[in-house]
Protein backbone atom coordinates (compact mmCIF):
# COMPACT_ATOMS: atom_id res chain seq x y z
CA UNK A 1 102.38 82.93 -33.97
CA UNK A 2 98.78 83.78 -33.58
CA UNK A 3 97.28 84.85 -30.22
CA UNK A 4 95.06 81.76 -30.23
CA UNK A 5 98.13 79.52 -30.50
CA UNK A 6 99.87 81.42 -27.70
CA UNK A 7 96.89 80.95 -25.42
CA UNK A 8 96.98 77.25 -26.22
CA UNK A 9 100.63 76.99 -25.15
CA UNK A 10 100.24 78.80 -21.84
CA UNK A 11 97.07 77.00 -20.76
CA UNK A 12 97.29 73.63 -19.02
CA UNK A 13 95.68 70.75 -20.77
CA UNK A 14 92.65 69.41 -18.94
CA UNK A 15 92.10 65.65 -18.65
CA UNK A 16 88.65 64.31 -19.24
CA UNK A 17 86.94 63.35 -15.97
CA UNK A 18 87.23 59.66 -15.04
CA UNK A 19 84.04 57.70 -14.89
CA UNK A 20 83.28 55.86 -11.65
CA UNK A 21 82.63 52.22 -12.06
CA UNK A 22 79.28 51.26 -10.66
CA UNK A 23 78.88 47.80 -9.17
CA UNK A 24 76.61 45.70 -11.17
CA UNK A 25 73.75 44.24 -9.18
CA UNK A 26 73.88 41.20 -11.40
CA UNK A 27 76.18 39.18 -9.11
CA UNK A 28 73.99 39.57 -6.00
CA UNK A 29 70.92 38.79 -7.99
CA UNK A 30 72.64 35.76 -9.48
CA UNK A 31 73.58 34.45 -6.01
CA UNK A 32 70.03 34.92 -4.75
CA UNK A 33 68.73 33.08 -7.79
CA UNK A 34 71.20 30.25 -7.21
CA UNK A 35 70.09 29.89 -3.59
CA UNK A 36 66.46 29.88 -4.62
CA UNK A 37 67.17 27.19 -7.19
CA UNK A 38 68.99 25.06 -4.58
CA UNK A 39 66.08 25.41 -2.16
CA UNK A 40 63.56 24.51 -4.84
CA UNK A 41 65.59 21.46 -5.86
CA UNK A 42 65.92 20.34 -2.22
CA UNK A 43 62.19 20.82 -1.65
CA UNK A 44 61.40 18.88 -4.79
CA UNK A 45 63.69 16.03 -3.70
CA UNK A 46 62.12 15.95 -0.25
CA UNK A 47 58.63 15.87 -1.69
CA UNK A 48 59.70 13.13 -4.06
CA UNK A 49 61.11 11.05 -1.21
CA UNK A 50 57.94 11.52 0.84
CA UNK A 51 55.72 10.55 -2.07
CA UNK A 52 57.87 7.50 -2.78
CA UNK A 53 57.74 6.36 0.85
CA UNK A 54 53.99 6.90 1.08
CA UNK A 55 53.38 4.97 -2.12
CA UNK A 56 55.62 2.15 -0.91
CA UNK A 57 53.80 1.99 2.42
CA UNK A 58 50.44 1.96 0.67
CA UNK A 59 51.63 -0.92 -1.45
CA UNK A 60 53.04 -2.70 1.62
CA UNK A 61 50.33 -1.84 4.16
CA UNK A 62 51.26 -4.81 6.33
CA UNK A 63 54.45 -2.92 7.35
CA UNK A 64 52.29 -0.23 8.95
CA UNK A 65 50.30 -2.87 10.79
CA UNK A 66 53.49 -4.51 12.04
CA UNK A 67 54.88 -1.18 13.21
CA UNK A 68 51.62 -0.42 15.03
CA UNK A 69 51.68 -3.79 16.78
CA UNK A 70 55.31 -3.32 17.80
CA UNK A 71 54.53 0.15 19.14
CA UNK A 72 51.63 -1.16 21.21
CA UNK A 73 53.75 -4.02 22.57
CA UNK A 74 56.62 -1.67 23.43
CA UNK A 75 54.26 0.74 25.19
CA UNK A 76 52.70 -2.13 27.13
CA UNK A 77 56.11 -3.40 28.23
CA UNK A 78 57.15 0.09 29.31
CA UNK A 79 53.97 0.57 31.36
CA UNK A 80 54.36 -2.87 32.92
CA UNK A 81 57.95 -2.17 33.99
CA UNK A 82 56.94 1.23 35.32
CA UNK A 83 54.15 -0.26 37.43
CA UNK A 84 56.45 -2.99 38.69
CA UNK A 85 59.02 -0.38 39.68
CA UNK A 86 56.38 1.70 41.48
CA UNK A 87 55.11 -1.37 43.32
CA UNK A 88 58.62 -2.32 44.35
CA UNK A 89 59.29 1.18 45.60
CA UNK A 90 56.05 1.07 47.58
CA UNK A 91 57.05 -2.27 49.13
CA UNK A 92 60.46 -0.91 50.02
CA UNK A 93 58.87 2.21 51.53
CA UNK A 94 56.49 0.13 53.65
CA UNK A 95 59.37 -2.00 54.85
CA UNK A 96 61.70 0.90 55.61
CA UNK A 97 63.34 0.55 59.01
CA UNK A 98 66.18 2.34 60.78
CA UNK A 99 67.92 1.09 63.89
CA UNK A 100 69.10 3.72 66.36
CA UNK A 101 72.70 2.68 65.78
CA UNK A 102 72.25 3.40 62.08
CA UNK A 103 70.76 6.81 62.78
CA UNK A 104 73.55 7.67 65.22
CA UNK A 105 76.20 6.92 62.58
CA UNK A 106 74.63 9.18 59.95
CA UNK A 107 75.84 12.62 58.98
CA UNK A 108 73.37 15.33 59.99
CA UNK A 109 72.26 15.88 56.37
CA UNK A 110 71.73 12.15 55.91
CA UNK A 111 69.76 12.10 59.17
CA UNK A 112 67.42 14.69 57.67
CA UNK A 113 67.09 12.48 54.58
CA UNK A 114 66.22 9.51 56.82
CA UNK A 115 63.47 11.53 58.50
CA UNK A 116 62.15 12.51 55.07
CA UNK A 117 62.14 8.85 53.98
CA UNK A 118 60.23 7.82 57.10
CA UNK A 119 57.60 10.49 56.43
CA UNK A 120 57.34 9.27 52.85
CA UNK A 121 56.93 5.72 54.15
CA UNK A 122 54.00 6.90 56.26
CA UNK A 123 52.19 8.22 53.18
CA UNK A 124 53.52 11.78 52.84
CA UNK A 125 54.21 11.72 49.12
CA UNK A 126 55.48 15.29 48.97
CA UNK A 127 57.97 14.88 51.83
CA UNK A 128 61.09 16.86 51.02
CA UNK A 129 64.30 17.83 52.75
CA UNK A 130 64.77 21.59 52.78
CA UNK A 131 67.48 21.83 55.44
CA UNK A 132 70.53 23.97 54.80
CA UNK A 133 71.58 27.56 55.03
CA UNK A 134 68.61 29.86 55.50
CA UNK A 135 66.09 27.07 56.08
CA UNK A 136 64.40 29.16 58.82
CA UNK A 137 63.99 26.25 61.19
CA UNK A 138 62.58 23.74 58.68
CA UNK A 139 64.68 20.73 57.74
CA UNK A 140 61.85 18.53 56.41
CA UNK A 141 58.37 19.45 55.23
CA UNK A 142 55.56 17.07 54.33
CA UNK A 143 51.80 16.77 53.95
CA UNK A 144 50.23 13.69 55.49
CA UNK A 145 47.30 11.75 53.96
CA UNK A 146 44.92 13.80 56.12
CA UNK A 147 46.03 17.09 54.58
CA UNK A 148 48.04 18.33 57.57
CA UNK A 149 51.23 20.26 56.91
CA UNK A 150 54.24 19.01 58.88
CA UNK A 151 57.32 21.13 59.53
CA UNK A 152 60.18 19.23 61.14
CA UNK A 153 63.43 20.47 62.59
CA UNK A 154 66.10 17.77 62.94
CA UNK A 155 68.72 17.74 65.69
CA UNK A 156 71.24 14.97 65.13
CA UNK A 157 73.63 13.99 67.91
CA UNK A 158 76.44 11.70 66.86
CA UNK A 159 76.89 10.54 70.45
CA UNK A 160 73.18 9.95 71.00
CA UNK A 161 72.19 10.46 74.62
CA UNK A 162 75.73 11.50 75.46
CA UNK A 163 75.50 14.45 73.08
CA UNK A 164 74.26 17.93 73.90
CA UNK A 165 70.58 18.11 74.81
CA UNK A 166 67.98 19.92 72.74
CA UNK A 167 67.00 22.98 74.73
CA UNK A 168 64.37 25.69 74.78
CA UNK A 169 66.24 27.99 72.32
CA UNK A 170 65.96 25.32 69.62
CA UNK A 171 62.21 25.11 70.15
CA UNK A 172 61.90 28.89 70.18
CA UNK A 173 63.35 29.04 66.66
CA UNK A 174 60.86 26.42 65.50
CA UNK A 175 57.98 28.19 67.24
CA UNK A 176 58.86 31.48 65.53
CA UNK A 177 58.91 30.18 61.96
CA UNK A 178 57.03 26.88 61.63
CA UNK A 179 53.50 28.33 61.48
CA UNK A 180 54.13 31.92 60.44
CA UNK A 181 56.67 31.19 57.68
CA UNK A 182 56.06 27.57 56.65
CA UNK A 183 52.32 27.28 57.37
CA UNK A 184 52.67 24.28 59.66
CA UNK A 185 49.74 22.41 61.17
CA UNK A 186 52.16 20.20 63.07
CA UNK A 187 55.53 21.60 64.16
CA UNK A 188 58.05 19.29 65.81
CA UNK A 189 61.67 18.61 66.58
CA UNK A 190 63.16 15.17 65.93
CA UNK A 191 66.36 14.18 67.69
CA UNK A 192 68.30 11.00 68.34
CA UNK A 193 69.49 12.55 71.59
CA UNK A 194 67.80 13.93 74.69
CA UNK A 195 65.59 16.94 75.38
CA UNK A 196 65.73 19.11 78.47
CA UNK A 197 62.74 19.26 80.80
CA UNK A 198 62.24 23.03 80.27
CA UNK A 199 62.18 22.42 76.51
CA UNK A 200 59.48 19.77 76.92
CA UNK A 201 57.43 22.19 79.04
CA UNK A 202 57.86 24.97 76.48
CA UNK A 203 56.79 22.62 73.68
CA UNK A 204 53.59 21.72 75.53
CA UNK A 205 52.81 25.38 76.15
CA UNK A 206 53.33 26.36 72.51
CA UNK A 207 51.61 23.31 70.95
CA UNK A 208 54.90 21.98 69.59
CA UNK A 209 55.86 18.32 69.45
CA UNK A 210 59.10 16.66 70.50
CA UNK A 211 60.29 13.33 69.11
CA UNK A 212 63.09 12.28 71.44
CA UNK A 213 65.31 9.23 71.17
CA UNK A 214 62.72 6.87 72.63
CA UNK A 215 59.90 8.00 70.31
CA UNK A 216 62.29 8.02 67.37
CA UNK A 217 63.21 4.38 68.06
CA UNK A 218 59.56 3.33 68.07
CA UNK A 219 58.89 5.26 64.86
CA UNK A 220 62.01 4.31 62.91
CA UNK A 221 62.09 0.62 63.80
CA UNK A 222 58.35 0.03 63.55
CA UNK A 223 55.63 0.59 61.00
CA UNK A 224 53.26 3.01 62.75
CA UNK A 225 53.04 6.53 61.30
CA UNK A 226 54.35 9.33 63.42
CA UNK A 227 50.94 10.94 64.02
CA UNK A 228 49.84 7.80 65.87
CA UNK A 229 52.74 8.20 68.29
CA UNK A 230 52.18 11.85 69.19
CA UNK A 231 49.62 13.41 71.46
CA UNK A 232 47.27 16.29 70.64
CA UNK A 233 47.87 16.21 66.90
CA UNK A 234 45.49 18.58 65.06
CA UNK A 235 42.44 16.95 63.43
CA UNK A 236 42.53 16.08 59.74
CA UNK A 237 42.03 18.87 57.24
CA UNK A 238 40.13 16.61 54.86
CA UNK A 239 38.33 13.30 55.02
CA UNK A 240 40.20 10.38 53.47
CA UNK A 241 39.91 6.64 53.33
CA UNK A 242 42.25 6.52 56.33
CA UNK A 243 40.15 8.77 58.54
């Protein structure tokens, strides 16, 4: 046996290296092409539908006229109903009345809402109830037709005059926040109960206003705005048709 043959027996046979299969980009490209074709077909169909509709409308122009007339009529009816609703709300606001017995039976949050509604009745269109946790002494805020900012603290007593009286500490809270925090021109407390004499004196000294049960009855059951029932109200901020 020749040396070359011996070397062939002892040596291990080497396998040819395997070739890695590379992914063909043809599938991805084919999917992208398919999507593009679908989009182009959809766009062509949409354009065709639009062109068909436009041509039909041009041939039947009276349909456009009818649609325009119906739109105008519908808009007119909507505006008419809106104005009627606004007028009815204005009539209801002007006729708003609360008896003291009704106010006594309210929950304290509903009492604040009643005060807000009365201010709105008097022409304060932005009257809003802000009472709640962290209200800093303001339960209702409003701007009257003369431009004055009102900050109202409400003290509801379910037992009316028999309930606890509004005292000086309540007015001190209002005095500390109404002008400095809420920018009040008119700061007042409204209660369906009674107010102590020292509290009334403190209110006069600090230019605060107190609406007790008697004043509340005149305001809630009548039609005069609150600023006509109070003394020493600040002058108007701006001239209006009411001034």
